[in-house]
């Protein structure tokens, strides 16, 4: 994957490869350990933070055919993570 990113950057110097940890655990060291592995193994990737946590709000909204922002009962933490992802995309 790194070689493919490097090859694509030859023709597009502005290309930036992004990564985010999805279905992250709310507690423990797994997320930070995963991020370190990605940084070591794929130095061409730029990590977006915060990770998208494993939250029931995602499956509840999708199960109803809704966006995370649509349900009347909103999960504020899930929405904050989603908006941070969008902000990280620029």
C-alpha atoms as a PDB file:
ATOM      1  CA  UNK A   1       0.000   0.000   0.000  1.00  0.00           C
ATOM      2  CA  UNK A   2       2.814   2.419   0.809  1.00  0.00           C
ATOM      3  CA  UNK A   3       4.380   1.856  -2.600  1.00  0.00           C
ATOM      4  CA  UNK A   4       1.047   2.606  -4.288  1.00  0.00           C
ATOM      5  CA  UNK A   5       0.692   5.859  -2.321  1.00  0.00           C
ATOM      6  CA  UNK A   6       4.260   6.862  -3.142  1.00  0.00           C
ATOM      7  CA  UNK A   7       3.695   6.082  -6.816  1.00  0.00           C
ATOM      8  CA  UNK A   8       0.497   8.143  -6.919  1.00  0.00           C
ATOM      9  CA  UNK A   9       2.262  11.059  -5.221  1.00  0.00           C
ATOM     10  CA  UNK A  10       4.709  11.224  -8.136  1.00  0.00           C
ATOM     11  CA  UNK A  11       1.916  12.384 -10.421  1.00  0.00           C
ATOM     12  CA  UNK A  12      -0.009  14.281  -7.724  1.00  0.00           C
ATOM     13  CA  UNK A  13       2.282  15.951  -5.191  1.00  0.00           C
ATOM     14  CA  UNK A  14      -0.722  17.266  -3.261  1.00  0.00           C
ATOM     15  CA  UNK A  15      -2.086  13.763  -2.655  1.00  0.00           C
ATOM     16  CA  UNK A  16      -2.439  13.028   1.043  1.00  0.00           C
ATOM     17  CA  UNK A  17      -3.351   9.542   2.239  1.00  0.00           C
ATOM     18  CA  UNK A  18      -5.520   9.533   5.359  1.00  0.00           C
ATOM     19  CA  UNK A  19      -6.376   6.878   7.925  1.00  0.00           C
ATOM     20  CA  UNK A  20      -8.747   6.717  10.866  1.00  0.00           C
ATOM     21  CA  UNK A  21      -9.380   4.029  13.435  1.00  0.00           C
ATOM     22  CA  UNK A  22     -12.983   2.915  13.061  1.00  0.00           C
ATOM     23  CA  UNK A  23     -14.895   0.852  15.644  1.00  0.00           C
ATOM     24  CA  UNK A  24     -12.381   1.930  18.271  1.00  0.00           C
ATOM     25  CA  UNK A  25     -12.763   0.735  21.833  1.00  0.00           C
ATOM     26  CA  UNK A  26     -13.913   3.321  24.393  1.00  0.00           C
ATOM     27  CA  UNK A  27     -11.346   2.113  26.981  1.00  0.00           C
ATOM     28  CA  UNK A  28      -7.941   0.532  27.053  1.00  0.00           C
ATOM     29  CA  UNK A  29      -4.712   0.823  25.091  1.00  0.00           C
ATOM     30  CA  UNK A  30      -5.814  -0.956  21.899  1.00  0.00           C
ATOM     31  CA  UNK A  31      -6.497   2.267  19.972  1.00  0.00           C
ATOM     32  CA  UNK A  32      -3.158   3.901  20.778  1.00  0.00           C
ATOM     33  CA  UNK A  33      -1.304   0.662  20.034  1.00  0.00           C
ATOM     34  CA  UNK A  34      -3.092   0.356  16.688  1.00  0.00           C
ATOM     35  CA  UNK A  35      -2.249   3.961  15.831  1.00  0.00           C
ATOM     36  CA  UNK A  36       1.435   3.375  16.605  1.00  0.00           C
ATOM     37  CA  UNK A  37       1.505   0.273  14.396  1.00  0.00           C
ATOM     38  CA  UNK A  38      -0.091   2.198  11.523  1.00  0.00           C
ATOM     39  CA  UNK A  39       2.407   5.045  11.925  1.00  0.00           C
ATOM     40  CA  UNK A  40       5.347   2.618  11.924  1.00  0.00           C
ATOM     41  CA  UNK A  41       4.158   0.370   9.084  1.00  0.00           C
ATOM     42  CA  UNK A  42       2.548   3.051   6.903  1.00  0.00           C
ATOM     43  CA  UNK A  43       4.463   6.313   7.372  1.00  0.00           C
ATOM     44  CA  UNK A  44       2.791   7.792   4.277  1.00  0.00           C
ATOM     45  CA  UNK A  45      -0.585   7.784   6.023  1.00  0.00           C
ATOM     46  CA  UNK A  46      -1.748  10.795   7.996  1.00  0.00           C
ATOM     47  CA  UNK A  47      -3.813   9.724  11.024  1.00  0.00           C
ATOM     48  CA  UNK A  48      -7.084  11.527  11.657  1.00  0.00           C
ATOM     49  CA  UNK A  49      -8.196  11.950  15.257  1.00  0.00           C
ATOM     50  CA  UNK A  50     -10.222  11.295  17.254  1.00  0.00           C
ATOM     51  CA  UNK A  51     -10.979   7.701  16.288  1.00  0.00           C
ATOM     52  CA  UNK A  52     -14.572   6.729  15.549  1.00  0.00           C
ATOM     53  CA  UNK A  53     -15.667   4.826  18.635  1.00  0.00           C
ATOM     54  CA  UNK A  54     -17.810   1.727  18.555  1.00  0.00           C
ATOM     55  CA  UNK A  55     -21.174   3.251  19.476  1.00  0.00           C
ATOM     56  CA  UNK A  56     -24.691   1.896  19.253  1.00  0.00           C
ATOM     57  CA  UNK A  57     -25.835   5.204  17.727  1.00  0.00           C
ATOM     58  CA  UNK A  58     -24.214   4.249  14.401  1.00  0.00           C
ATOM     59  CA  UNK A  59     -26.069   0.947  14.032  1.00  0.00           C
ATOM     60  CA  UNK A  60     -29.324   2.398  15.368  1.00  0.00           C
ATOM     61  CA  UNK A  61     -29.293   5.217  12.812  1.00  0.00           C
ATOM     62  CA  UNK A  62     -28.221   2.972   9.922  1.00  0.00           C
ATOM     63  CA  UNK A  63     -30.862   0.395  10.843  1.00  0.00           C
ATOM     64  CA  UNK A  64     -33.501   3.087  10.400  1.00  0.00           C
ATOM     65  CA  UNK A  65     -31.962   4.342   7.164  1.00  0.00           C
ATOM     66  CA  UNK A  66     -30.872   7.558   8.874  1.00  0.00           C
ATOM     67  CA  UNK A  67     -27.702   9.570   9.215  1.00  0.00           C
ATOM     68  CA  UNK A  68     -26.161   9.739  12.673  1.00  0.00           C
ATOM     69  CA  UNK A  69     -27.431  13.331  12.912  1.00  0.00           C
ATOM     70  CA  UNK A  70     -31.098  12.462  12.151  1.00  0.00           C
ATOM     71  CA  UNK A  71     -32.540  10.448  15.079  1.00  0.00           C
ATOM     72  CA  UNK A  72     -34.502  12.459  17.654  1.00  0.00           C
ATOM     73  CA  UNK A  73     -32.412  11.005  20.504  1.00  0.00           C
ATOM     74  CA  UNK A  74     -28.886  12.100  19.622  1.00  0.00           C
ATOM     75  CA  UNK A  75     -25.626  10.583  20.866  1.00  0.00           C
ATOM     76  CA  UNK A  76     -23.579  13.733  21.459  1.00  0.00           C
ATOM     77  CA  UNK A  77     -20.233  11.909  21.677  1.00  0.00           C
ATOM     78  CA  UNK A  78     -20.827  10.042  18.409  1.00  0.00           C
ATOM     79  CA  UNK A  79     -21.821  13.282  16.691  1.00  0.00           C
ATOM     80  CA  UNK A  80     -18.717  15.086  18.021  1.00  0.00           C
ATOM     81  CA  UNK A  81     -16.485  12.284  16.665  1.00  0.00           C
ATOM     82  CA  UNK A  82     -18.232  12.388  13.297  1.00  0.00           C
ATOM     83  CA  UNK A  83     -17.910  16.166  13.023  1.00  0.00           C
ATOM     84  CA  UNK A  84     -14.223  15.937  13.999  1.00  0.00           C
ATOM     85  CA  UNK A  85     -13.736  13.427  11.179  1.00  0.00           C
ATOM     86  CA  UNK A  86     -15.373  15.800   8.712  1.00  0.00           C
ATOM     87  CA  UNK A  87     -13.219  18.690   9.978  1.00  0.00           C
ATOM     88  CA  UNK A  88     -10.111  16.532   9.566  1.00  0.00           C
ATOM     89  CA  UNK A  89     -11.010  15.960   5.935  1.00  0.00           C
ATOM     90  CA  UNK A  90     -10.591  19.648   5.397  1.00  0.00           C
END
